[in-house]
Amino acid sequence: MKRAIFLDRDGVINRKPPEGQYIVRWQDMQFLPGVAEAIRLLTKAGFCVLAVSNQRCVAKGLLTAAELETIHTRMCNELAAAGAVISKVYYCPHDKEPPCACRKPAPGMLLTAAREHKIDLLASWMIGDKDIDIEAGRNAGCRTARIADDELENNTADIWAPSLLDAIHQILRMN
């Protein structure tokens, strides 16, 4: 069984759009500093890197699933060109209501990825910038890392870091 790193997209891989806005075209995608290096380090250490992201912009009709997949393909290709491989992007296209099994904090995307990639969830990490990311990781049985500018008072993640690269350095020291 493989160990994996599950990455939330907005706020971890790329700059998060302002509240209530969505990335609906490639021009809106801005990688955060150090992301390619962090993913390269994970790949070199033998982790399977997967992205898991709530994308209710599809349910809202702001873009189609095909358009979102085109953005994800380009994101993966750009990162791969820098030696940073994301094996697959999983996303929940649903709105908040009615509840579904894939929308974080539900663990559906992580569980599906674990089945498809033969992942040992207990040896894996979920990295996100919101409470729902941490809850999804915990609900799937993963360890968790929270990305935030400052350490949060009520941080429930196993580790905290100001960037993905900082989180990866911590994780690699622990493994």
Protein backbone atom coordinates (compact mmCIF):
# COMPACT_ATOMS: atom_id res chain seq x y z
CA MET A 1 0.00 0.00 0.00
CA LYS A 2 1.17 3.51 -0.81
CA ARG A 3 1.20 6.56 1.36
CA ALA A 4 -0.30 9.71 -0.05
CA ILE A 5 -0.51 13.42 0.46
CA PHE A 6 -3.95 14.86 -0.28
CA LEU A 7 -3.81 18.55 -1.13
CA ASP A 8 -6.70 20.97 -1.08
CA ARG A 9 -6.48 23.20 -4.15
CA ASP A 10 -7.47 26.79 -3.35
CA GLY A 11 -5.27 28.20 -0.60
CA VAL A 12 -2.76 25.33 -0.72
CA ILE A 13 -1.75 24.87 -4.37
CA ASN A 14 -2.98 28.19 -5.73
CA ARG A 15 -3.95 31.59 -4.42
CA LYS A 16 -7.47 31.46 -3.00
CA PRO A 17 -9.96 33.73 -4.76
CA PRO A 18 -11.82 36.31 -2.65
CA GLU A 19 -14.75 34.96 -0.59
CA GLY A 20 -17.71 34.13 -2.81
CA GLN A 21 -15.61 34.07 -5.99
CA TYR A 22 -14.28 31.05 -7.87
CA ILE A 23 -11.52 30.12 -10.26
CA VAL A 24 -13.46 29.66 -13.48
CA ARG A 25 -10.71 30.16 -16.08
CA TRP A 26 -7.04 29.35 -16.30
CA GLN A 27 -6.05 33.01 -16.06
CA ASP A 28 -7.39 33.05 -12.48
CA MET A 29 -5.01 30.26 -11.39
CA GLN A 30 -1.95 31.59 -9.56
CA PHE A 31 0.36 29.02 -7.98
CA LEU A 32 1.52 29.82 -4.48
CA PRO A 33 5.28 30.19 -3.89
CA GLY A 34 7.13 26.93 -3.28
CA VAL A 35 4.29 24.64 -4.41
CA ALA A 36 6.21 22.95 -7.24
CA GLU A 37 9.23 22.39 -4.99
CA ALA A 38 7.02 20.94 -2.23
CA ILE A 39 5.31 18.50 -4.60
CA ARG A 40 8.69 17.53 -6.10
CA LEU A 41 9.99 16.72 -2.61
CA LEU A 42 6.93 14.57 -1.89
CA THR A 43 7.30 12.63 -5.12
CA LYS A 44 10.99 12.08 -4.42
CA ALA A 45 10.10 10.79 -0.93
CA GLY A 46 7.71 8.23 -2.45
CA PHE A 47 4.35 9.86 -1.68
CA CYS A 48 1.47 9.70 -4.14
CA VAL A 49 0.26 13.30 -4.45
CA LEU A 50 -3.45 13.86 -5.06
CA ALA A 51 -5.60 16.98 -5.08
CA VAL A 52 -9.05 16.97 -3.45
CA SER A 53 -11.21 20.04 -3.82
CA ASN A 54 -14.79 21.20 -3.30
CA GLN A 55 -15.83 22.93 -6.52
CA ARG A 56 -19.41 24.06 -6.10
CA CYS A 57 -18.85 26.53 -8.95
CA VAL A 58 -19.97 23.64 -11.18
CA ALA A 59 -23.28 23.29 -9.30
CA LYS A 60 -23.71 27.07 -9.49
CA GLY A 61 -23.34 26.91 -13.29
CA LEU A 62 -20.26 29.16 -13.36
CA LEU A 63 -18.40 26.60 -15.47
CA THR A 64 -18.96 23.06 -16.71
CA ALA A 65 -17.29 19.95 -15.35
CA ALA A 66 -15.38 19.72 -18.65
CA GLU A 67 -14.11 23.32 -18.25
CA LEU A 68 -13.03 22.58 -14.67
CA GLU A 69 -11.23 19.43 -15.79
CA THR A 70 -9.41 21.48 -18.45
CA ILE A 71 -8.18 23.84 -15.72
CA HIS A 72 -7.08 20.86 -13.60
CA THR A 73 -5.30 19.24 -16.54
CA ARG A 74 -3.41 22.44 -17.26
CA MET A 75 -2.57 22.83 -13.55
CA CYS A 76 -1.16 19.29 -13.45
CA ASN A 77 0.75 19.77 -16.72
CA GLU A 78 2.30 23.07 -15.55
CA LEU A 79 3.39 21.49 -12.27
CA ALA A 80 4.65 18.32 -14.00
CA ALA A 81 6.80 20.49 -16.28
CA ALA A 82 8.50 21.69 -13.08
CA GLY A 83 8.96 18.08 -11.89
CA ALA A 84 5.96 18.22 -9.53
CA VAL A 85 3.54 15.37 -10.24
CA ILE A 86 -0.07 15.33 -9.03
CA SER A 87 -1.34 11.84 -9.84
CA LYS A 88 -5.01 12.83 -10.01
CA VAL A 89 -7.41 15.62 -9.09
CA TYR A 90 -10.63 14.67 -7.32
CA TYR A 91 -13.34 17.28 -6.95
CA CYS A 92 -16.85 17.56 -5.60
CA PRO A 93 -19.05 19.49 -8.08
CA HIS A 94 -22.04 19.61 -5.72
CA ASP A 95 -23.51 22.49 -3.76
CA LYS A 96 -23.67 22.41 0.04
CA GLU A 97 -27.28 21.16 0.01
CA PRO A 98 -28.34 18.44 -0.20
CA PRO A 99 -25.37 16.81 1.55
CA CYS A 100 -23.29 14.36 -0.48
CA ALA A 101 -20.60 11.83 0.39
CA CYS A 102 -17.85 13.62 -1.53
CA ARG A 103 -18.07 17.22 -0.33
CA LYS A 104 -15.51 17.90 2.39
CA PRO A 105 -15.71 17.50 5.37
CA ALA A 106 -17.10 14.14 4.21
CA PRO A 107 -14.22 11.79 3.37
CA GLY A 108 -15.65 10.52 0.06
CA MET A 109 -12.96 11.92 -2.26
CA LEU A 110 -10.17 10.59 -0.04
CA LEU A 111 -11.79 7.16 0.27
CA THR A 112 -12.31 6.92 -3.50
CA ALA A 113 -8.69 7.91 -4.12
CA ALA A 114 -7.50 5.37 -1.54
CA ARG A 115 -9.38 2.56 -3.33
CA GLU A 116 -8.22 3.62 -6.79
CA HIS A 117 -4.56 4.12 -5.83
CA LYS A 118 -4.22 1.45 -3.10
CA ILE A 119 -3.40 4.03 -0.43
CA ASP A 120 -2.81 3.38 3.24
CA LEU A 121 -4.84 6.22 4.77
CA LEU A 122 -3.22 5.81 8.21
CA ALA A 123 0.18 6.54 6.62
CA SER A 124 -1.18 9.49 4.62
CA TRP A 125 -1.75 13.21 5.15
CA MET A 126 -4.47 15.68 4.25
CA ILE A 127 -3.20 19.24 3.85
CA GLY A 128 -5.67 22.10 3.73
CA ASP A 129 -6.31 25.67 4.75
CA LYS A 130 -9.80 25.24 6.26
CA ASP A 131 -11.41 23.33 9.09
CA ILE A 132 -13.38 21.22 6.59
CA ASP A 133 -10.10 20.00 5.04
CA ILE A 134 -8.82 18.90 8.43
CA GLU A 135 -12.15 17.24 9.24
CA ALA A 136 -12.13 15.37 5.91
CA GLY A 137 -8.62 14.10 6.60
CA ARG A 138 -9.55 12.98 10.10
CA ASN A 139 -12.79 11.40 8.84
CA ALA A 140 -10.70 9.36 6.38
CA GLY A 141 -8.16 8.35 9.04
CA CYS A 142 -5.28 10.54 7.81
CA ARG A 143 -2.93 12.77 9.71
CA THR A 144 -3.51 16.44 8.93
CA ALA A 145 -1.66 19.68 8.27
CA ARG A 146 -3.17 23.16 8.31
CA ILE A 147 -1.85 25.96 6.11
CA ALA A 148 -2.48 29.40 7.64
CA ASP A 149 -0.66 32.71 7.91
CA ASP A 150 -0.58 32.41 11.70
CA GLU A 151 -1.06 29.46 13.99
CA LEU A 152 -4.74 29.28 14.84
CA GLU A 153 -5.95 29.22 18.41
CA ASN A 154 -8.25 26.26 17.83
CA ASN A 155 -6.10 24.40 15.33
CA THR A 156 -7.08 20.72 15.37
CA ALA A 157 -4.55 19.63 12.74
CA ASP A 158 -1.54 17.53 13.64
CA ILE A 159 0.76 20.26 12.35
CA TRP A 160 0.50 23.89 11.27
CA ALA A 161 2.62 25.69 8.67
CA PRO A 162 2.52 29.05 6.87
CA SER A 163 2.99 27.38 3.43
CA LEU A 164 2.82 24.03 1.70
CA LEU A 165 6.61 23.89 1.46
CA ASP A 166 6.96 24.46 5.21
CA ALA A 167 4.36 21.75 5.90
CA ILE A 168 6.18 19.29 3.64
CA HIS A 169 9.51 19.92 5.40
CA GLN A 170 7.80 19.13 8.72
CA ILE A 171 6.12 15.99 7.36
CA LEU A 172 9.34 14.69 5.80
CA ARG A 173 11.18 15.16 9.12
CA MET A 174 8.47 13.08 10.83
CA ASN A 175 8.48 10.21 8.29
